[in-house]
Amino acid sequence: MANKEFKVPPVAFPSAGNPGGAAPNIQQRRMPTPPFQPNSGIPFMSFDIGSATTSTSSGPIYTGPSMGGGGSANFDDEEPLLDELGIHPDQIWSKIRSVLNPFRVNHTVHKDSDLSGPILLYMAFCLFQLLAGKIQFGVILGWIVVSSIFLYFVFNMLAGRTGNLDLHTCTSVVGYCMLPVVIFSALSLFLPIDGVIRLSVAAIFVLWATKASTGLVVSLADGGDEHRGLIAYASFLIYTLFSLLVIF
């Protein structure tokens, strides 16, 4: 059997001793291209990590306000917290002290009406009732609102167009004149539950609150002196209602 011969084409290798000769099949090395930047005009669209690192590390992230600078916070010029909230303890004490003497009520301190003192007296009344075993927070608050609206409508219907008693002032007067009822609530903790003594003490404090409330309403509103008797009757009903919460 005859052997088959395969014809292999000759392979030519480049000469290693010719440094100047360039190899025909060797590709040239490409230069690296810069990072992709879709829009170099927009800083936050840049993907150049190196430049971003340099820009962020060039300065501190946060610098606190200088103590000696003009833009530093000066807490000495700030008003007290109670004044910002509209709570003036001296004014509240002056109004409470004026109610202590029902025959000489200083109505000038009540011209600037507020609700801080009435809320304080309301909480004190609720506290004394709670010590007596009566949970009446919602009842007392509801009766204060209804009583203020009741006295407001009574006076304005009596005074007509000349009446200038607003609801805010009326609520302040009713709240501050609750002081005798609050004192009676505190004393009732030491009085017998049933008896003439308890009713007599309640009548004294109701008359005290009625006198103070009538004097303030007449002094603060125009035309109230003509209807003093009806205003006193309305005030008497209001504080009798609160005293019944203490008695029963």
C-alpha atoms as a PDB file:
ATOM      1  CA  MET A   1       0.000   0.000   0.000  1.00  0.00           C
ATOM      2  CA  ALA A   2       1.540   3.291  -1.129  1.00  0.00           C
ATOM      3  CA  ASN A   3       2.067   6.088   1.425  1.00  0.00           C
ATOM      4  CA  LYS A   4       0.110   9.331   0.901  1.00  0.00           C
ATOM      5  CA  GLU A   5       2.037  12.543   0.922  1.00  0.00           C
ATOM      6  CA  PHE A   6       0.474  15.768   2.206  1.00  0.00           C
ATOM      7  CA  LYS A   7       1.779  18.998   0.864  1.00  0.00           C
ATOM      8  CA  VAL A   8       2.329  21.530   3.723  1.00  0.00           C
ATOM      9  CA  PRO A   9       2.869  25.156   2.679  1.00  0.00           C
ATOM     10  CA  PRO A  10       6.061  26.669   4.006  1.00  0.00           C
ATOM     11  CA  VAL A  11       5.731  28.950   7.050  1.00  0.00           C
ATOM     12  CA  ALA A  12       7.827  32.121   7.065  1.00  0.00           C
ATOM     13  CA  PHE A  13       8.836  33.481  10.513  1.00  0.00           C
ATOM     14  CA  PRO A  14       9.935  37.120  10.900  1.00  0.00           C
ATOM     15  CA  SER A  15      13.533  37.666  11.510  1.00  0.00           C
ATOM     16  CA  ALA A  16      14.327  38.324  15.147  1.00  0.00           C
ATOM     17  CA  GLY A  17      17.497  40.204  14.320  1.00  0.00           C
ATOM     18  CA  ASN A  18      15.776  43.047  12.472  1.00  0.00           C
ATOM     19  CA  PRO A  19      14.587  45.502  15.148  1.00  0.00           C
ATOM     20  CA  GLY A  20      13.721  48.192  12.686  1.00  0.00           C
ATOM     21  CA  GLY A  21      11.298  46.071  10.795  1.00  0.00           C
ATOM     22  CA  ALA A  22       7.690  46.338  11.857  1.00  0.00           C
ATOM     23  CA  ALA A  23       5.715  43.177  12.089  1.00  0.00           C
ATOM     24  CA  PRO A  24       2.849  43.252   9.612  1.00  0.00           C
ATOM     25  CA  ASN A  25       0.379  41.509  11.984  1.00  0.00           C
ATOM     26  CA  ILE A  26       1.165  43.351  15.261  1.00  0.00           C
ATOM     27  CA  GLN A  27      -1.590  45.828  16.189  1.00  0.00           C
ATOM     28  CA  GLN A  28      -0.644  49.200  17.583  1.00  0.00           C
ATOM     29  CA  ARG A  29      -1.549  49.962  21.212  1.00  0.00           C
ATOM     30  CA  ARG A  30      -4.451  52.376  21.549  1.00  0.00           C
ATOM     31  CA  MET A  31      -4.327  55.327  23.877  1.00  0.00           C
ATOM     32  CA  PRO A  32      -6.842  55.221  26.788  1.00  0.00           C
ATOM     33  CA  THR A  33      -9.895  57.323  26.203  1.00  0.00           C
ATOM     34  CA  PRO A  34     -11.205  59.721  28.898  1.00  0.00           C
ATOM     35  CA  PRO A  35     -14.205  58.693  30.992  1.00  0.00           C
ATOM     36  CA  PHE A  36     -17.595  58.979  29.432  1.00  0.00           C
ATOM     37  CA  GLN A  37     -19.194  62.314  30.023  1.00  0.00           C
ATOM     38  CA  PRO A  38     -22.580  62.809  28.382  1.00  0.00           C
ATOM     39  CA  ASN A  39     -22.710  66.504  29.124  1.00  0.00           C
ATOM     40  CA  SER A  40     -19.664  68.227  30.549  1.00  0.00           C
ATOM     41  CA  GLY A  41     -21.639  71.424  31.167  1.00  0.00           C
ATOM     42  CA  ILE A  42     -23.699  69.779  33.965  1.00  0.00           C
ATOM     43  CA  PRO A  43     -21.533  69.089  37.036  1.00  0.00           C
ATOM     44  CA  PHE A  44     -23.677  66.372  38.584  1.00  0.00           C
ATOM     45  CA  MET A  45     -23.786  64.399  35.278  1.00  0.00           C
ATOM     46  CA  SER A  46     -20.036  63.927  35.303  1.00  0.00           C
ATOM     47  CA  PHE A  47     -18.770  60.401  35.880  1.00  0.00           C
ATOM     48  CA  ASP A  48     -15.228  61.466  36.613  1.00  0.00           C
ATOM     49  CA  ILE A  49     -14.678  59.832  39.984  1.00  0.00           C
ATOM     50  CA  GLY A  50     -11.275  61.344  40.493  1.00  0.00           C
ATOM     51  CA  SER A  51     -12.464  64.899  40.065  1.00  0.00           C
ATOM     52  CA  ALA A  52     -15.469  64.296  42.325  1.00  0.00           C
ATOM     53  CA  THR A  53     -13.209  62.970  45.065  1.00  0.00           C
ATOM     54  CA  THR A  54     -10.926  65.951  44.746  1.00  0.00           C
ATOM     55  CA  SER A  55     -13.806  68.452  44.890  1.00  0.00           C
ATOM     56  CA  THR A  56     -15.421  66.898  47.961  1.00  0.00           C
ATOM     57  CA  SER A  57     -12.179  66.565  49.872  1.00  0.00           C
ATOM     58  CA  SER A  58     -11.046  70.102  49.137  1.00  0.00           C
ATOM     59  CA  GLY A  59     -12.899  71.567  52.155  1.00  0.00           C
ATOM     60  CA  PRO A  60     -14.783  70.530  55.298  1.00  0.00           C
ATOM     61  CA  ILE A  61     -18.345  69.335  54.964  1.00  0.00           C
ATOM     62  CA  TYR A  62     -19.732  71.428  57.813  1.00  0.00           C
ATOM     63  CA  THR A  63     -18.386  74.324  59.711  1.00  0.00           C
ATOM     64  CA  GLY A  64     -20.203  75.447  62.819  1.00  0.00           C
ATOM     65  CA  PRO A  65     -21.060  79.076  63.435  1.00  0.00           C
ATOM     66  CA  SER A  66     -18.273  81.157  64.766  1.00  0.00           C
ATOM     67  CA  MET A  67     -18.699  82.301  68.307  1.00  0.00           C
ATOM     68  CA  GLY A  68     -17.368  85.738  67.534  1.00  0.00           C
ATOM     69  CA  GLY A  69     -18.957  86.152  64.110  1.00  0.00           C
ATOM     70  CA  GLY A  70     -21.817  88.423  63.284  1.00  0.00           C
ATOM     71  CA  GLY A  71     -24.061  85.533  62.201  1.00  0.00           C
ATOM     72  CA  SER A  72     -23.822  83.597  65.445  1.00  0.00           C
ATOM     73  CA  ALA A  73     -27.006  82.933  67.447  1.00  0.00           C
ATOM     74  CA  ASN A  74     -27.406  85.325  70.343  1.00  0.00           C
ATOM     75  CA  PHE A  75     -29.713  83.791  72.948  1.00  0.00           C
ATOM     76  CA  ASP A  76     -29.539  86.846  75.198  1.00  0.00           C
ATOM     77  CA  ASP A  77     -31.913  88.705  72.870  1.00  0.00           C
ATOM     78  CA  GLU A  78     -34.513  85.918  72.928  1.00  0.00           C
ATOM     79  CA  GLU A  79     -37.710  86.470  74.916  1.00  0.00           C
ATOM     80  CA  PRO A  80     -38.582  84.116  77.770  1.00  0.00           C
ATOM     81  CA  LEU A  81     -40.569  81.052  76.847  1.00  0.00           C
ATOM     82  CA  LEU A  82     -43.621  82.090  78.890  1.00  0.00           C
ATOM     83  CA  ASP A  83     -43.746  85.473  77.161  1.00  0.00           C
ATOM     84  CA  GLU A  84     -43.610  83.812  73.742  1.00  0.00           C
ATOM     85  CA  LEU A  85     -46.506  81.579  74.753  1.00  0.00           C
ATOM     86  CA  GLY A  86     -48.511  84.570  75.973  1.00  0.00           C
ATOM     87  CA  ILE A  87     -48.346  83.535  79.639  1.00  0.00           C
ATOM     88  CA  HIS A  88     -47.537  86.359  82.079  1.00  0.00           C
ATOM     89  CA  PRO A  89     -47.388  85.107  85.683  1.00  0.00           C
ATOM     90  CA  ASP A  90     -47.357  88.636  87.161  1.00  0.00           C
ATOM     91  CA  GLN A  91     -50.473  89.579  85.244  1.00  0.00           C
ATOM     92  CA  ILE A  92     -52.232  86.359  86.236  1.00  0.00           C
ATOM     93  CA  TRP A  93     -51.401  86.920  89.900  1.00  0.00           C
ATOM     94  CA  SER A  94     -52.670  90.510  89.729  1.00  0.00           C
ATOM     95  CA  LYS A  95     -56.001  89.357  88.307  1.00  0.00           C
ATOM     96  CA  ILE A  96     -56.383  86.590  90.867  1.00  0.00           C
ATOM     97  CA  ARG A  97     -55.554  88.992  93.689  1.00  0.00           C
ATOM     98  CA  SER A  98     -58.143  91.481  92.423  1.00  0.00           C
ATOM     99  CA  VAL A  99     -60.883  88.849  92.684  1.00  0.00           C
ATOM    100  CA  LEU A 100     -60.015  88.145  96.325  1.00  0.00           C
ATOM    101  CA  ASN A 101     -61.765  91.369  97.334  1.00  0.00           C
ATOM    102  CA  PRO A 102     -65.213  91.324  95.691  1.00  0.00           C
ATOM    103  CA  PHE A 103     -66.071  94.824  96.955  1.00  0.00           C
ATOM    104  CA  ARG A 104     -63.045  96.492  95.367  1.00  0.00           C
ATOM    105  CA  VAL A 105     -62.337  94.611  92.160  1.00  0.00           C
ATOM    106  CA  ASN A 106     -59.607  96.271  90.099  1.00  0.00           C
ATOM    107  CA  HIS A 107     -61.110  96.109  86.630  1.00  0.00           C
ATOM    108  CA  THR A 108     -58.133  97.825  84.975  1.00  0.00           C
ATOM    109  CA  VAL A 109     -56.000  94.684  85.159  1.00  0.00           C
ATOM    110  CA  HIS A 110     -58.779  92.697  83.466  1.00  0.00           C
ATOM    111  CA  LYS A 111     -58.925  94.877  80.365  1.00  0.00           C
ATOM    112  CA  ASP A 112     -56.227  92.746  78.779  1.00  0.00           C
ATOM    113  CA  SER A 113     -58.095  89.455  78.809  1.00  0.00           C
ATOM    114  CA  ASP A 114     -56.297  86.126  78.699  1.00  0.00           C
ATOM    115  CA  LEU A 115     -57.106  82.457  79.129  1.00  0.00           C
ATOM    116  CA  SER A 116     -53.965  81.325  80.961  1.00  0.00           C
ATOM    117  CA  GLY A 117     -55.354  82.138  84.412  1.00  0.00           C
ATOM    118  CA  PRO A 118     -58.776  80.559  83.772  1.00  0.00           C
ATOM    119  CA  ILE A 119     -57.103  77.373  82.564  1.00  0.00           C
ATOM    120  CA  LEU A 120     -54.977  77.322  85.721  1.00  0.00           C
ATOM    121  CA  LEU A 121     -58.051  77.711  87.929  1.00  0.00           C
ATOM    122  CA  TYR A 122     -59.887  75.106  85.889  1.00  0.00           C
ATOM    123  CA  MET A 123     -57.092  72.579  86.463  1.00  0.00           C
ATOM    124  CA  ALA A 124     -57.027  73.391  90.182  1.00  0.00           C
ATOM    125  CA  PHE A 125     -60.794  72.879  90.421  1.00  0.00           C
ATOM    126  CA  CYS A 126     -60.517  69.542  88.616  1.00  0.00           C
ATOM    127  CA  LEU A 127     -57.688  68.498  90.929  1.00  0.00           C
ATOM    128  CA  PHE A 128     -59.675  69.214  94.106  1.00  0.00           C
ATOM    129  CA  GLN A 129     -62.665  67.397  92.673  1.00  0.00           C
ATOM    130  CA  LEU A 130     -60.414  64.459  91.867  1.00  0.00           C
ATOM    131  CA  LEU A 131     -59.173  64.406  95.462  1.00  0.00           C
ATOM    132  CA  ALA A 132     -62.816  64.228  96.516  1.00  0.00           C
ATOM    133  CA  GLY A 133     -63.268  61.143  94.319  1.00  0.00           C
ATOM    134  CA  LYS A 134     -65.062  62.910  91.458  1.00  0.00           C
ATOM    135  CA  ILE A 135     -63.673  62.669  87.934  1.00  0.00           C
ATOM    136  CA  GLN A 136     -65.314  65.649  86.248  1.00  0.00           C
ATOM    137  CA  PHE A 137     -62.714  67.048  83.828  1.00  0.00           C
ATOM    138  CA  GLY A 138     -64.974  67.010  80.784  1.00  0.00           C
ATOM    139  CA  VAL A 139     -68.045  68.175  82.684  1.00  0.00           C
ATOM    140  CA  ILE A 140     -66.286  71.202  84.181  1.00  0.00           C
ATOM    141  CA  LEU A 141     -64.705  72.193  80.878  1.00  0.00           C
ATOM    142  CA  GLY A 142     -68.022  71.897  79.071  1.00  0.00           C
ATOM    143  CA  TRP A 143     -69.833  73.947  81.703  1.00  0.00           C
ATOM    144  CA  ILE A 144     -67.204  76.702  81.518  1.00  0.00           C
ATOM    145  CA  VAL A 145     -67.659  76.979  77.748  1.00  0.00           C
ATOM    146  CA  VAL A 146     -71.454  76.946  77.991  1.00  0.00           C
ATOM    147  CA  SER A 147     -71.433  79.466  80.866  1.00  0.00           C
ATOM    148  CA  SER A 148     -69.221  81.884  78.949  1.00  0.00           C
ATOM    149  CA  ILE A 149     -71.454  81.709  75.881  1.00  0.00           C
ATOM    150  CA  PHE A 150     -74.550  82.100  78.071  1.00  0.00           C
ATOM    151  CA  LEU A 151     -73.277  85.243  79.814  1.00  0.00           C
ATOM    152  CA  TYR A 152     -72.102  86.643  76.473  1.00  0.00           C
ATOM    153  CA  PHE A 153     -75.528  86.287  74.877  1.00  0.00           C
ATOM    154  CA  VAL A 154     -77.352  87.584  77.953  1.00  0.00           C
ATOM    155  CA  PHE A 155     -75.307  90.758  78.127  1.00  0.00           C
ATOM    156  CA  ASN A 156     -75.414  91.484  74.388  1.00  0.00           C
ATOM    157  CA  MET A 157     -79.161  90.969  74.277  1.00  0.00           C
ATOM    158  CA  LEU A 158     -79.579  93.358  77.175  1.00  0.00           C
ATOM    159  CA  ALA A 159     -77.167  95.985  75.882  1.00  0.00           C
ATOM    160  CA  GLY A 160     -78.288  95.750  72.265  1.00  0.00           C
ATOM    161  CA  ARG A 161     -76.129  97.539  69.723  1.00  0.00           C
ATOM    162  CA  THR A 162     -74.193  99.371  72.423  1.00  0.00           C
ATOM    163  CA  GLY A 163     -72.823  96.147  73.884  1.00  0.00           C
ATOM    164  CA  ASN A 164     -69.103  95.691  73.336  1.00  0.00           C
ATOM    165  CA  LEU A 165     -68.414  92.615  75.450  1.00  0.00           C
ATOM    166  CA  ASP A 166     -66.668  90.024  73.297  1.00  0.00           C
ATOM    167  CA  LEU A 167     -66.604  86.298  73.967  1.00  0.00           C
ATOM    168  CA  HIS A 168     -62.889  86.206  74.821  1.00  0.00           C
ATOM    169  CA  THR A 169     -63.302  88.800  77.575  1.00  0.00           C
ATOM    170  CA  CYS A 170     -66.410  87.052  78.860  1.00  0.00           C
ATOM    171  CA  THR A 171     -64.566  83.719  79.090  1.00  0.00           C
ATOM    172  CA  SER A 172     -61.694  85.385  80.939  1.00  0.00           C
ATOM    173  CA  VAL A 173     -64.069  86.996  83.466  1.00  0.00           C
ATOM    174  CA  VAL A 174     -65.977  83.765  84.094  1.00  0.00           C
ATOM    175  CA  GLY A 175     -62.696  81.873  84.508  1.00  0.00           C
ATOM    176  CA  TYR A 176     -61.069  84.261  86.951  1.00  0.00           C
ATOM    177  CA  CYS A 177     -64.238  84.567  89.014  1.00  0.00           C
ATOM    178  CA  MET A 178     -64.118  80.797  89.464  1.00  0.00           C
ATOM    179  CA  LEU A 179     -61.568  81.429  92.239  1.00  0.00           C
ATOM    180  CA  PRO A 180     -64.172  81.402  95.095  1.00  0.00           C
ATOM    181  CA  VAL A 181     -65.604  78.128  93.799  1.00  0.00           C
ATOM    182  CA  VAL A 182     -62.089  76.651  93.631  1.00  0.00           C
ATOM    183  CA  ILE A 183     -61.478  77.706  97.257  1.00  0.00           C
ATOM    184  CA  PHE A 184     -64.800  76.166  98.262  1.00  0.00           C
ATOM    185  CA  SER A 185     -63.832  72.954  96.489  1.00  0.00           C
ATOM    186  CA  ALA A 186     -60.617  72.823  98.519  1.00  0.00           C
ATOM    187  CA  LEU A 187     -62.448  73.495 101.797  1.00  0.00           C
ATOM    188  CA  SER A 188     -65.105  70.912 101.031  1.00  0.00           C
ATOM    189  CA  LEU A 189     -62.490  68.203 101.513  1.00  0.00           C
ATOM    190  CA  PHE A 190     -62.604  68.983 105.247  1.00  0.00           C
ATOM    191  CA  LEU A 191     -66.328  69.747 105.612  1.00  0.00           C
ATOM    192  CA  PRO A 192     -69.015  67.163 106.409  1.00  0.00           C
ATOM    193  CA  ILE A 193     -70.700  65.694 103.384  1.00  0.00           C
ATOM    194  CA  ASP A 194     -74.259  66.423 104.482  1.00  0.00           C
ATOM    195  CA  GLY A 195     -75.341  69.313 106.612  1.00  0.00           C
ATOM    196  CA  VAL A 196     -76.326  72.933 106.823  1.00  0.00           C
ATOM    197  CA  ILE A 197     -72.704  74.026 107.239  1.00  0.00           C
ATOM    198  CA  ARG A 198     -71.761  72.816 103.800  1.00  0.00           C
ATOM    199  CA  LEU A 199     -74.704  74.603 102.153  1.00  0.00           C
ATOM    200  CA  SER A 200     -74.025  77.805 104.079  1.00  0.00           C
ATOM    201  CA  VAL A 201     -70.381  77.869 103.056  1.00  0.00           C
ATOM    202  CA  ALA A 202     -71.393  77.172  99.450  1.00  0.00           C
ATOM    203  CA  ALA A 203     -73.829  80.108  99.484  1.00  0.00           C
ATOM    204  CA  ILE A 204     -71.116  82.460 100.764  1.00  0.00           C
ATOM    205  CA  PHE A 205     -68.677  81.522  98.011  1.00  0.00           C
ATOM    206  CA  VAL A 206     -71.358  81.665  95.313  1.00  0.00           C
ATOM    207  CA  LEU A 207     -72.290  85.205  96.366  1.00  0.00           C
ATOM    208  CA  TRP A 208     -68.599  86.108  96.394  1.00  0.00           C
ATOM    209  CA  ALA A 209     -68.129  84.866  92.818  1.00  0.00           C
ATOM    210  CA  THR A 210     -71.369  86.545  91.691  1.00  0.00           C
ATOM    211  CA  LYS A 211     -70.320  89.895  93.136  1.00  0.00           C
ATOM    212  CA  ALA A 212     -66.891  89.775  91.497  1.00  0.00           C
ATOM    213  CA  SER A 213     -68.227  88.652  88.116  1.00  0.00           C
ATOM    214  CA  THR A 214     -70.974  91.286  88.047  1.00  0.00           C
ATOM    215  CA  GLY A 215     -68.559  94.065  88.931  1.00  0.00           C
ATOM    216  CA  LEU A 216     -66.106  93.055  86.198  1.00  0.00           C
ATOM    217  CA  VAL A 217     -68.748  92.735  83.488  1.00  0.00           C
ATOM    218  CA  VAL A 218     -70.289  96.103  84.349  1.00  0.00           C
ATOM    219  CA  SER A 219     -66.884  97.804  84.452  1.00  0.00           C
ATOM    220  CA  LEU A 220     -65.454  96.300  81.267  1.00  0.00           C
ATOM    221  CA  ALA A 221     -68.528  96.705  79.027  1.00  0.00           C
ATOM    222  CA  ASP A 222     -70.442  99.811  78.088  1.00  0.00           C
ATOM    223  CA  GLY A 223     -74.048 100.014  79.210  1.00  0.00           C
ATOM    224  CA  GLY A 224     -73.732  97.266  81.778  1.00  0.00           C
ATOM    225  CA  ASP A 225     -74.616  99.425  84.763  1.00  0.00           C
ATOM    226  CA  GLU A 226     -78.213  99.685  83.590  1.00  0.00           C
ATOM    227  CA  HIS A 227     -78.653  95.908  83.656  1.00  0.00           C
ATOM    228  CA  ARG A 228     -76.634  95.091  86.768  1.00  0.00           C
ATOM    229  CA  GLY A 229     -79.454  93.064  88.357  1.00  0.00           C
ATOM    230  CA  LEU A 230     -79.946  90.763  85.350  1.00  0.00           C
ATOM    231  CA  ILE A 231     -76.199  90.289  84.930  1.00  0.00           C
ATOM    232  CA  ALA A 232     -75.938  89.381  88.608  1.00  0.00           C
ATOM    233  CA  TYR A 233     -78.773  86.880  88.227  1.00  0.00           C
ATOM    234  CA  ALA A 234     -77.043  85.215  85.264  1.00  0.00           C
ATOM    235  CA  SER A 235     -73.751  85.068  87.164  1.00  0.00           C
ATOM    236  CA  PHE A 236     -75.524  83.637  90.212  1.00  0.00           C
ATOM    237  CA  LEU A 237     -76.936  80.794  88.105  1.00  0.00           C
ATOM    238  CA  ILE A 238     -73.512  80.056  86.622  1.00  0.00           C
ATOM    239  CA  TYR A 239     -71.627  79.726  89.903  1.00  0.00           C
ATOM    240  CA  THR A 240     -74.496  77.947  91.629  1.00  0.00           C
ATOM    241  CA  LEU A 241     -74.192  75.319  88.943  1.00  0.00           C
ATOM    242  CA  PHE A 242     -70.478  74.861  89.684  1.00  0.00           C
ATOM    243  CA  SER A 243     -71.068  74.748  93.427  1.00  0.00           C
ATOM    244  CA  LEU A 244     -73.565  71.904  92.944  1.00  0.00           C
ATOM    245  CA  LEU A 245     -70.701  69.835  91.518  1.00  0.00           C
ATOM    246  CA  VAL A 246     -68.904  70.270  94.831  1.00  0.00           C
ATOM    247  CA  ILE A 247     -71.893  69.671  97.085  1.00  0.00           C
ATOM    248  CA  PHE A 248     -73.252  66.534  95.410  1.00  0.00           C
END
